[in-house]
Amino acid sequence: MIAQASLPDRGRIVPMTSNLSDPFERLGAVLRYAAGEEIYAQEEDADLIYRLVSGAVRATRLLSDGRRQISDFYFPGDMFGMENGPVHRTAAEALGDVEVLVVKRRALRLLGEDGAQVERMTWRSTGEQLERAQDHMLLLARKSACEKVASFLAEIANRCATPWALLPMSRQDIADYLGLTIETVSRMVTQLQQEGLVVFDGCRRFRIAHRGRLAERIAA
């Protein structure tokens, strides 16, 4: 397990029942963060690699003009915190109570086959995040407001293993991620419901009612 002396000041260590077949669990420690708590800060040293166990996390960046930009959302199983350079380009914040596995980044090459396996996992995860970042850029540049919201809901639904998906983020978070106002996000959600493409149960629980028609709406 990772040395406790190398753990960040934030978060609380919780007991973990290790899955001996999972190298990340063999090498890591589990930290728990409360809703709204910062996991790491923008420009903080990128000493650790993280894998989300439960809950959801947002990646945020403070722009020079003071505006907040959200670049990604992480869900259970996602790895994050991998950087090419020595510091984090974004901050990571807990959207609700979360548990995160952490592994010391610089120790991986000293940890034999387990370390090599975790490094391969980080490469795969980095590739997945790069694809999401490219999709995000296209979404911001080319789509209408309704297409942006429809694309976002489709992505969240696709990353959920059950018919009903949960939005752990606020409407303001969605607006910051899509480059829209919160009022526009709310209007577009209402429009998609009126068109019969999505069904909401409350403010955050939803399902895609007609995937084919929603895909056509996104591609229009």
C-alpha atoms as a PDB file:
ATOM      1  CA  MET A   1       0.000   0.000   0.000  1.00  0.00           C
ATOM      2  CA  ILE A   2       1.106   3.583  -0.657  1.00  0.00           C
ATOM      3  CA  ALA A   3       3.015   5.160   2.231  1.00  0.00           C
ATOM      4  CA  GLN A   4       0.724   7.318   4.336  1.00  0.00           C
ATOM      5  CA  ALA A   5       3.435   9.975   4.557  1.00  0.00           C
ATOM      6  CA  SER A   6       3.007  10.579   0.831  1.00  0.00           C
ATOM      7  CA  LEU A   7      -0.769  11.104   0.979  1.00  0.00           C
ATOM      8  CA  PRO A   8      -2.280  14.578   0.498  1.00  0.00           C
ATOM      9  CA  ASP A   9      -3.538  16.638   3.424  1.00  0.00           C
ATOM     10  CA  ARG A  10      -7.072  16.586   1.992  1.00  0.00           C
ATOM     11  CA  GLY A  11      -9.358  13.595   2.346  1.00  0.00           C
ATOM     12  CA  ARG A  12      -9.645  10.942   5.017  1.00  0.00           C
ATOM     13  CA  ILE A  13      -8.149   7.468   4.810  1.00  0.00           C
ATOM     14  CA  VAL A  14     -10.760   4.713   4.927  1.00  0.00           C
ATOM     15  CA  PRO A  15     -10.281   0.934   5.302  1.00  0.00           C
ATOM     16  CA  MET A  16     -10.070  -1.003   2.063  1.00  0.00           C
ATOM     17  CA  THR A  17     -10.661  -4.666   1.329  1.00  0.00           C
ATOM     18  CA  SER A  18      -8.096  -5.255  -1.379  1.00  0.00           C
ATOM     19  CA  ASN A  19      -8.944  -7.068  -4.582  1.00  0.00           C
ATOM     20  CA  LEU A  20      -5.734  -9.046  -4.983  1.00  0.00           C
ATOM     21  CA  SER A  21      -6.253  -9.293  -8.749  1.00  0.00           C
ATOM     22  CA  ASP A  22      -6.296  -5.489  -9.100  1.00  0.00           C
ATOM     23  CA  PRO A  23      -2.793  -3.930  -9.057  1.00  0.00           C
ATOM     24  CA  PHE A  24      -4.212  -0.462  -8.389  1.00  0.00           C
ATOM     25  CA  GLU A  25      -5.844  -1.718  -5.194  1.00  0.00           C
ATOM     26  CA  ARG A  26      -2.717  -3.613  -4.138  1.00  0.00           C
ATOM     27  CA  LEU A  27      -0.615  -0.455  -4.426  1.00  0.00           C
ATOM     28  CA  GLY A  28      -3.106   2.231  -3.420  1.00  0.00           C
ATOM     29  CA  ALA A  29      -4.958   3.701  -0.489  1.00  0.00           C
ATOM     30  CA  VAL A  30      -8.580   4.873  -0.381  1.00  0.00           C
ATOM     31  CA  LEU A  31      -9.385   8.465   0.553  1.00  0.00           C
ATOM     32  CA  ARG A  32     -12.853   9.831   1.235  1.00  0.00           C
ATOM     33  CA  TYR A  33     -13.857  13.396   0.334  1.00  0.00           C
ATOM     34  CA  ALA A  34     -17.002  15.287   1.302  1.00  0.00           C
ATOM     35  CA  ALA A  35     -19.300  17.016  -1.185  1.00  0.00           C
ATOM     36  CA  GLY A  36     -17.657  20.171  -2.518  1.00  0.00           C
ATOM     37  CA  GLU A  37     -14.221  19.249  -1.185  1.00  0.00           C
ATOM     38  CA  GLU A  38     -11.199  19.821  -3.405  1.00  0.00           C
ATOM     39  CA  ILE A  39      -9.246  16.661  -4.222  1.00  0.00           C
ATOM     40  CA  TYR A  40      -6.369  18.599  -5.750  1.00  0.00           C
ATOM     41  CA  ALA A  41      -5.911  22.208  -6.827  1.00  0.00           C
ATOM     42  CA  GLN A  42      -5.044  23.778 -10.162  1.00  0.00           C
ATOM     43  CA  GLU A  43      -1.246  24.189 -10.410  1.00  0.00           C
ATOM     44  CA  GLU A  44      -0.715  21.792  -7.477  1.00  0.00           C
ATOM     45  CA  ASP A  45       2.076  19.218  -7.785  1.00  0.00           C
ATOM     46  CA  ALA A  46       0.823  16.182  -9.708  1.00  0.00           C
ATOM     47  CA  ASP A  47       2.339  13.539  -7.430  1.00  0.00           C
ATOM     48  CA  LEU A  48      -0.581  11.092  -7.323  1.00  0.00           C
ATOM     49  CA  ILE A  49      -2.777   9.171  -9.761  1.00  0.00           C
ATOM     50  CA  TYR A  50      -6.434   8.765  -8.821  1.00  0.00           C
ATOM     51  CA  ARG A  51      -9.158   6.241  -9.613  1.00  0.00           C
ATOM     52  CA  LEU A  52     -12.715   6.992  -8.587  1.00  0.00           C
ATOM     53  CA  VAL A  53     -14.342   4.275  -6.472  1.00  0.00           C
ATOM     54  CA  SER A  54     -17.708   5.909  -5.764  1.00  0.00           C
ATOM     55  CA  GLY A  55     -19.422   9.222  -6.411  1.00  0.00           C
ATOM     56  CA  ALA A  56     -18.594  11.767  -9.117  1.00  0.00           C
ATOM     57  CA  VAL A  57     -15.881  14.398  -9.613  1.00  0.00           C
ATOM     58  CA  ARG A  58     -15.630  17.492 -11.812  1.00  0.00           C
ATOM     59  CA  ALA A  59     -12.433  18.871 -13.363  1.00  0.00           C
ATOM     60  CA  THR A  60     -12.424  22.680 -13.250  1.00  0.00           C
ATOM     61  CA  ARG A  61     -10.103  25.412 -14.455  1.00  0.00           C
ATOM     62  CA  LEU A  62     -10.105  29.035 -13.350  1.00  0.00           C
ATOM     63  CA  LEU A  63      -9.540  31.287 -16.375  1.00  0.00           C
ATOM     64  CA  SER A  64      -7.543  34.506 -16.319  1.00  0.00           C
ATOM     65  CA  ASP A  65     -10.735  36.596 -16.432  1.00  0.00           C
ATOM     66  CA  GLY A  66     -12.106  34.858 -13.334  1.00  0.00           C
ATOM     67  CA  ARG A  67     -14.569  32.594 -15.126  1.00  0.00           C
ATOM     68  CA  ARG A  68     -14.777  28.903 -14.260  1.00  0.00           C
ATOM     69  CA  GLN A  69     -14.509  26.284 -16.974  1.00  0.00           C
ATOM     70  CA  ILE A  70     -15.441  22.628 -16.436  1.00  0.00           C
ATOM     71  CA  SER A  71     -13.456  20.339 -18.717  1.00  0.00           C
ATOM     72  CA  ASP A  72     -14.610  16.866 -17.642  1.00  0.00           C
ATOM     73  CA  PHE A  73     -16.649  14.770 -15.240  1.00  0.00           C
ATOM     74  CA  TYR A  74     -15.380  11.524 -13.728  1.00  0.00           C
ATOM     75  CA  PHE A  75     -17.461   8.528 -12.676  1.00  0.00           C
ATOM     76  CA  PRO A  76     -16.654   5.277 -10.807  1.00  0.00           C
ATOM     77  CA  GLY A  77     -13.844   3.413 -12.537  1.00  0.00           C
ATOM     78  CA  ASP A  78     -12.424   6.540 -14.199  1.00  0.00           C
ATOM     79  CA  MET A  79      -8.782   7.414 -13.594  1.00  0.00           C
ATOM     80  CA  PHE A  80      -7.729  11.048 -13.397  1.00  0.00           C
ATOM     81  CA  GLY A  81      -4.914  13.341 -12.316  1.00  0.00           C
ATOM     82  CA  MET A  82      -2.498  12.100 -14.996  1.00  0.00           C
ATOM     83  CA  GLU A  83      -0.409  14.972 -16.348  1.00  0.00           C
ATOM     84  CA  ASN A  84       2.398  15.367 -18.871  1.00  0.00           C
ATOM     85  CA  GLY A  85       3.993  18.015 -16.689  1.00  0.00           C
ATOM     86  CA  PRO A  86       4.752  18.329 -12.966  1.00  0.00           C
ATOM     87  CA  VAL A  87       1.543  20.154 -11.967  1.00  0.00           C
ATOM     88  CA  HIS A  88      -2.208  19.775 -12.447  1.00  0.00           C
ATOM     89  CA  ARG A  89      -3.710  21.935 -15.195  1.00  0.00           C
ATOM     90  CA  THR A  90      -7.143  21.672 -13.584  1.00  0.00           C
ATOM     91  CA  ALA A  91      -8.576  21.256 -10.109  1.00  0.00           C
ATOM     92  CA  ALA A  92     -10.635  18.192  -9.141  1.00  0.00           C
ATOM     93  CA  GLU A  93     -13.660  18.646  -6.871  1.00  0.00           C
ATOM     94  CA  ALA A  94     -16.078  16.141  -5.335  1.00  0.00           C
ATOM     95  CA  LEU A  95     -19.651  16.576  -6.573  1.00  0.00           C
ATOM     96  CA  GLY A  96     -20.939  14.558  -3.624  1.00  0.00           C
ATOM     97  CA  ASP A  97     -19.339  12.293  -1.052  1.00  0.00           C
ATOM     98  CA  VAL A  98     -16.693  10.322  -2.954  1.00  0.00           C
ATOM     99  CA  GLU A  99     -14.082   7.639  -2.378  1.00  0.00           C
ATOM    100  CA  VAL A 100     -10.905   7.662  -4.451  1.00  0.00           C
ATOM    101  CA  LEU A 101      -8.023   5.211  -4.805  1.00  0.00           C
ATOM    102  CA  VAL A 102      -4.653   6.974  -4.940  1.00  0.00           C
ATOM    103  CA  VAL A 103      -1.247   5.714  -6.084  1.00  0.00           C
ATOM    104  CA  LYS A 104       2.076   7.539  -5.921  1.00  0.00           C
ATOM    105  CA  ARG A 105       2.961   8.523  -9.482  1.00  0.00           C
ATOM    106  CA  ARG A 106       6.758   8.467  -9.244  1.00  0.00           C
ATOM    107  CA  ALA A 107       6.882   5.114  -7.446  1.00  0.00           C
ATOM    108  CA  LEU A 108       5.259   3.127 -10.254  1.00  0.00           C
ATOM    109  CA  ARG A 109       8.519   2.265 -12.011  1.00  0.00           C
ATOM    110  CA  LEU A 110       9.951   0.943  -8.745  1.00  0.00           C
ATOM    111  CA  LEU A 111       7.044  -1.398  -8.046  1.00  0.00           C
ATOM    112  CA  GLY A 112       7.734  -4.165 -10.544  1.00  0.00           C
ATOM    113  CA  GLU A 113       4.926  -5.743 -12.547  1.00  0.00           C
ATOM    114  CA  ASP A 114       2.196  -4.114 -10.424  1.00  0.00           C
ATOM    115  CA  GLY A 115       3.594  -0.690 -11.226  1.00  0.00           C
ATOM    116  CA  ALA A 116       3.881  -1.573 -14.912  1.00  0.00           C
ATOM    117  CA  GLN A 117       0.247  -2.717 -14.984  1.00  0.00           C
ATOM    118  CA  VAL A 118      -0.929   0.527 -13.381  1.00  0.00           C
ATOM    119  CA  GLU A 119       1.122   2.507 -15.910  1.00  0.00           C
ATOM    120  CA  ARG A 120      -0.609   0.634 -18.747  1.00  0.00           C
ATOM    121  CA  MET A 121      -3.970   1.415 -17.145  1.00  0.00           C
ATOM    122  CA  THR A 122      -3.063   5.114 -17.031  1.00  0.00           C
ATOM    123  CA  TRP A 123      -2.122   5.102 -20.723  1.00  0.00           C
ATOM    124  CA  ARG A 124      -5.483   3.582 -21.669  1.00  0.00           C
ATOM    125  CA  SER A 125      -7.321   6.049 -19.465  1.00  0.00           C
ATOM    126  CA  THR A 126      -5.343   8.969 -20.902  1.00  0.00           C
ATOM    127  CA  GLY A 127      -6.363   7.890 -24.403  1.00  0.00           C
ATOM    128  CA  GLU A 128     -10.028   7.724 -23.375  1.00  0.00           C
ATOM    129  CA  GLN A 129      -9.828  11.192 -21.828  1.00  0.00           C
ATOM    130  CA  LEU A 130      -8.178  12.569 -24.966  1.00  0.00           C
ATOM    131  CA  GLU A 131     -11.062  11.225 -27.057  1.00  0.00           C
ATOM    132  CA  ARG A 132     -13.574  12.840 -24.679  1.00  0.00           C
ATOM    133  CA  ALA A 133     -11.654  16.124 -24.836  1.00  0.00           C
ATOM    134  CA  GLN A 134     -11.747  16.077 -28.636  1.00  0.00           C
ATOM    135  CA  ASP A 135     -15.478  15.337 -28.594  1.00  0.00           C
ATOM    136  CA  HIS A 136     -15.949  18.173 -26.105  1.00  0.00           C
ATOM    137  CA  MET A 137     -14.128  20.629 -28.383  1.00  0.00           C
ATOM    138  CA  LEU A 138     -16.304  19.651 -31.343  1.00  0.00           C
ATOM    139  CA  LEU A 139     -19.415  19.931 -29.193  1.00  0.00           C
ATOM    140  CA  LEU A 140     -18.515  23.471 -28.103  1.00  0.00           C
ATOM    141  CA  ALA A 141     -17.539  24.613 -31.587  1.00  0.00           C
ATOM    142  CA  ARG A 142     -20.185  23.181 -33.888  1.00  0.00           C
ATOM    143  CA  LYS A 143     -23.449  22.346 -32.175  1.00  0.00           C
ATOM    144  CA  SER A 144     -26.523  24.393 -31.316  1.00  0.00           C
ATOM    145  CA  ALA A 145     -27.586  24.795 -27.693  1.00  0.00           C
ATOM    146  CA  CYS A 146     -30.146  21.997 -27.968  1.00  0.00           C
ATOM    147  CA  GLU A 147     -27.650  19.688 -29.668  1.00  0.00           C
ATOM    148  CA  LYS A 148     -25.104  20.408 -26.921  1.00  0.00           C
ATOM    149  CA  VAL A 149     -27.537  19.482 -24.150  1.00  0.00           C
ATOM    150  CA  ALA A 150     -28.763  16.415 -26.054  1.00  0.00           C
ATOM    151  CA  SER A 151     -25.169  15.268 -26.626  1.00  0.00           C
ATOM    152  CA  PHE A 152     -24.363  15.746 -22.956  1.00  0.00           C
ATOM    153  CA  LEU A 153     -27.358  13.726 -21.772  1.00  0.00           C
ATOM    154  CA  ALA A 154     -26.539  10.972 -24.271  1.00  0.00           C
ATOM    155  CA  GLU A 155     -22.943  10.828 -23.010  1.00  0.00           C
ATOM    156  CA  ILE A 156     -24.021  10.581 -19.364  1.00  0.00           C
ATOM    157  CA  ALA A 157     -26.559   7.879 -20.237  1.00  0.00           C
ATOM    158  CA  ASN A 158     -23.921   5.921 -22.176  1.00  0.00           C
ATOM    159  CA  ARG A 159     -21.548   6.025 -19.192  1.00  0.00           C
ATOM    160  CA  CYS A 160     -24.265   4.634 -16.914  1.00  0.00           C
ATOM    161  CA  ALA A 161     -24.904   0.885 -16.733  1.00  0.00           C
ATOM    162  CA  THR A 162     -28.614   1.181 -15.914  1.00  0.00           C
ATOM    163  CA  PRO A 163     -31.616   2.437 -17.952  1.00  0.00           C
ATOM    164  CA  TRP A 164     -32.075   5.385 -15.591  1.00  0.00           C
ATOM    165  CA  ALA A 165     -29.080   7.700 -15.286  1.00  0.00           C
ATOM    166  CA  LEU A 166     -28.321  10.211 -12.560  1.00  0.00           C
ATOM    167  CA  LEU A 167     -26.931  13.706 -13.056  1.00  0.00           C
ATOM    168  CA  PRO A 168     -24.656  14.234 -10.027  1.00  0.00           C
ATOM    169  CA  MET A 169     -23.782  17.726 -11.223  1.00  0.00           C
ATOM    170  CA  SER A 170     -25.899  20.877 -10.990  1.00  0.00           C
ATOM    171  CA  ARG A 171     -27.459  22.700 -13.933  1.00  0.00           C
ATOM    172  CA  GLN A 172     -24.797  25.382 -13.405  1.00  0.00           C
ATOM    173  CA  ASP A 173     -22.079  22.730 -13.768  1.00  0.00           C
ATOM    174  CA  ILE A 174     -23.681  21.545 -17.003  1.00  0.00           C
ATOM    175  CA  ALA A 175     -23.872  25.130 -18.256  1.00  0.00           C
ATOM    176  CA  ASP A 176     -20.183  25.732 -17.482  1.00  0.00           C
ATOM    177  CA  TYR A 177     -19.234  22.483 -19.231  1.00  0.00           C
ATOM    178  CA  LEU A 178     -21.254  23.301 -22.356  1.00  0.00           C
ATOM    179  CA  GLY A 179     -20.465  27.018 -22.537  1.00  0.00           C
ATOM    180  CA  LEU A 180     -24.128  27.975 -22.040  1.00  0.00           C
ATOM    181  CA  THR A 181     -26.140  29.866 -19.448  1.00  0.00           C
ATOM    182  CA  ILE A 182     -28.071  27.948 -16.810  1.00  0.00           C
ATOM    183  CA  GLU A 183     -31.315  29.374 -18.236  1.00  0.00           C
ATOM    184  CA  THR A 184     -30.483  27.998 -21.684  1.00  0.00           C
ATOM    185  CA  VAL A 185     -29.688  24.559 -20.258  1.00  0.00           C
ATOM    186  CA  SER A 186     -33.044  24.482 -18.453  1.00  0.00           C
ATOM    187  CA  ARG A 187     -34.919  25.540 -21.609  1.00  0.00           C
ATOM    188  CA  MET A 188     -33.202  22.894 -23.723  1.00  0.00           C
ATOM    189  CA  VAL A 189     -33.921  20.149 -21.174  1.00  0.00           C
ATOM    190  CA  THR A 190     -37.589  21.176 -21.217  1.00  0.00           C
ATOM    191  CA  GLN A 191     -37.604  21.172 -25.028  1.00  0.00           C
ATOM    192  CA  LEU A 192     -36.116  17.666 -25.200  1.00  0.00           C
ATOM    193  CA  GLN A 193     -38.748  16.441 -22.747  1.00  0.00           C
ATOM    194  CA  GLN A 194     -41.538  18.044 -24.774  1.00  0.00           C
ATOM    195  CA  GLU A 195     -40.205  16.328 -27.898  1.00  0.00           C
ATOM    196  CA  GLY A 196     -40.410  12.996 -26.059  1.00  0.00           C
ATOM    197  CA  LEU A 197     -36.682  12.297 -26.384  1.00  0.00           C
ATOM    198  CA  VAL A 198     -35.840  12.182 -22.671  1.00  0.00           C
ATOM    199  CA  VAL A 199     -37.843  11.514 -19.517  1.00  0.00           C
ATOM    200  CA  PHE A 200     -36.947  13.076 -16.165  1.00  0.00           C
ATOM    201  CA  ASP A 201     -37.953  11.791 -12.739  1.00  0.00           C
ATOM    202  CA  GLY A 202     -37.206  14.865 -10.636  1.00  0.00           C
ATOM    203  CA  CYS A 203     -34.353  17.221 -11.507  1.00  0.00           C
ATOM    204  CA  ARG A 204     -31.490  14.750 -11.869  1.00  0.00           C
ATOM    205  CA  ARG A 205     -32.757  11.250 -12.645  1.00  0.00           C
ATOM    206  CA  PHE A 206     -33.472  10.662 -16.330  1.00  0.00           C
ATOM    207  CA  ARG A 207     -33.574   8.128 -19.130  1.00  0.00           C
ATOM    208  CA  ILE A 208     -33.330   8.334 -22.896  1.00  0.00           C
ATOM    209  CA  ALA A 209     -36.809   7.598 -24.292  1.00  0.00           C
ATOM    210  CA  HIS A 210     -35.859   7.318 -27.984  1.00  0.00           C
ATOM    211  CA  ARG A 211     -32.152   6.797 -28.638  1.00  0.00           C
ATOM    212  CA  GLY A 212     -32.538   6.752 -32.420  1.00  0.00           C
ATOM    213  CA  ARG A 213     -34.432  10.041 -32.541  1.00  0.00           C
ATOM    214  CA  LEU A 214     -32.049  11.599 -30.026  1.00  0.00           C
ATOM    215  CA  ALA A 215     -29.085  10.564 -32.190  1.00  0.00           C
ATOM    216  CA  GLU A 216     -30.777  12.182 -35.191  1.00  0.00           C
ATOM    217  CA  ARG A 217     -31.330  15.338 -33.128  1.00  0.00           C
ATOM    218  CA  ILE A 218     -27.658  15.443 -32.188  1.00  0.00           C
ATOM    219  CA  ALA A 219     -26.514  14.894 -35.781  1.00  0.00           C
ATOM    220  CA  ALA A 220     -28.954  17.420 -37.277  1.00  0.00           C
END
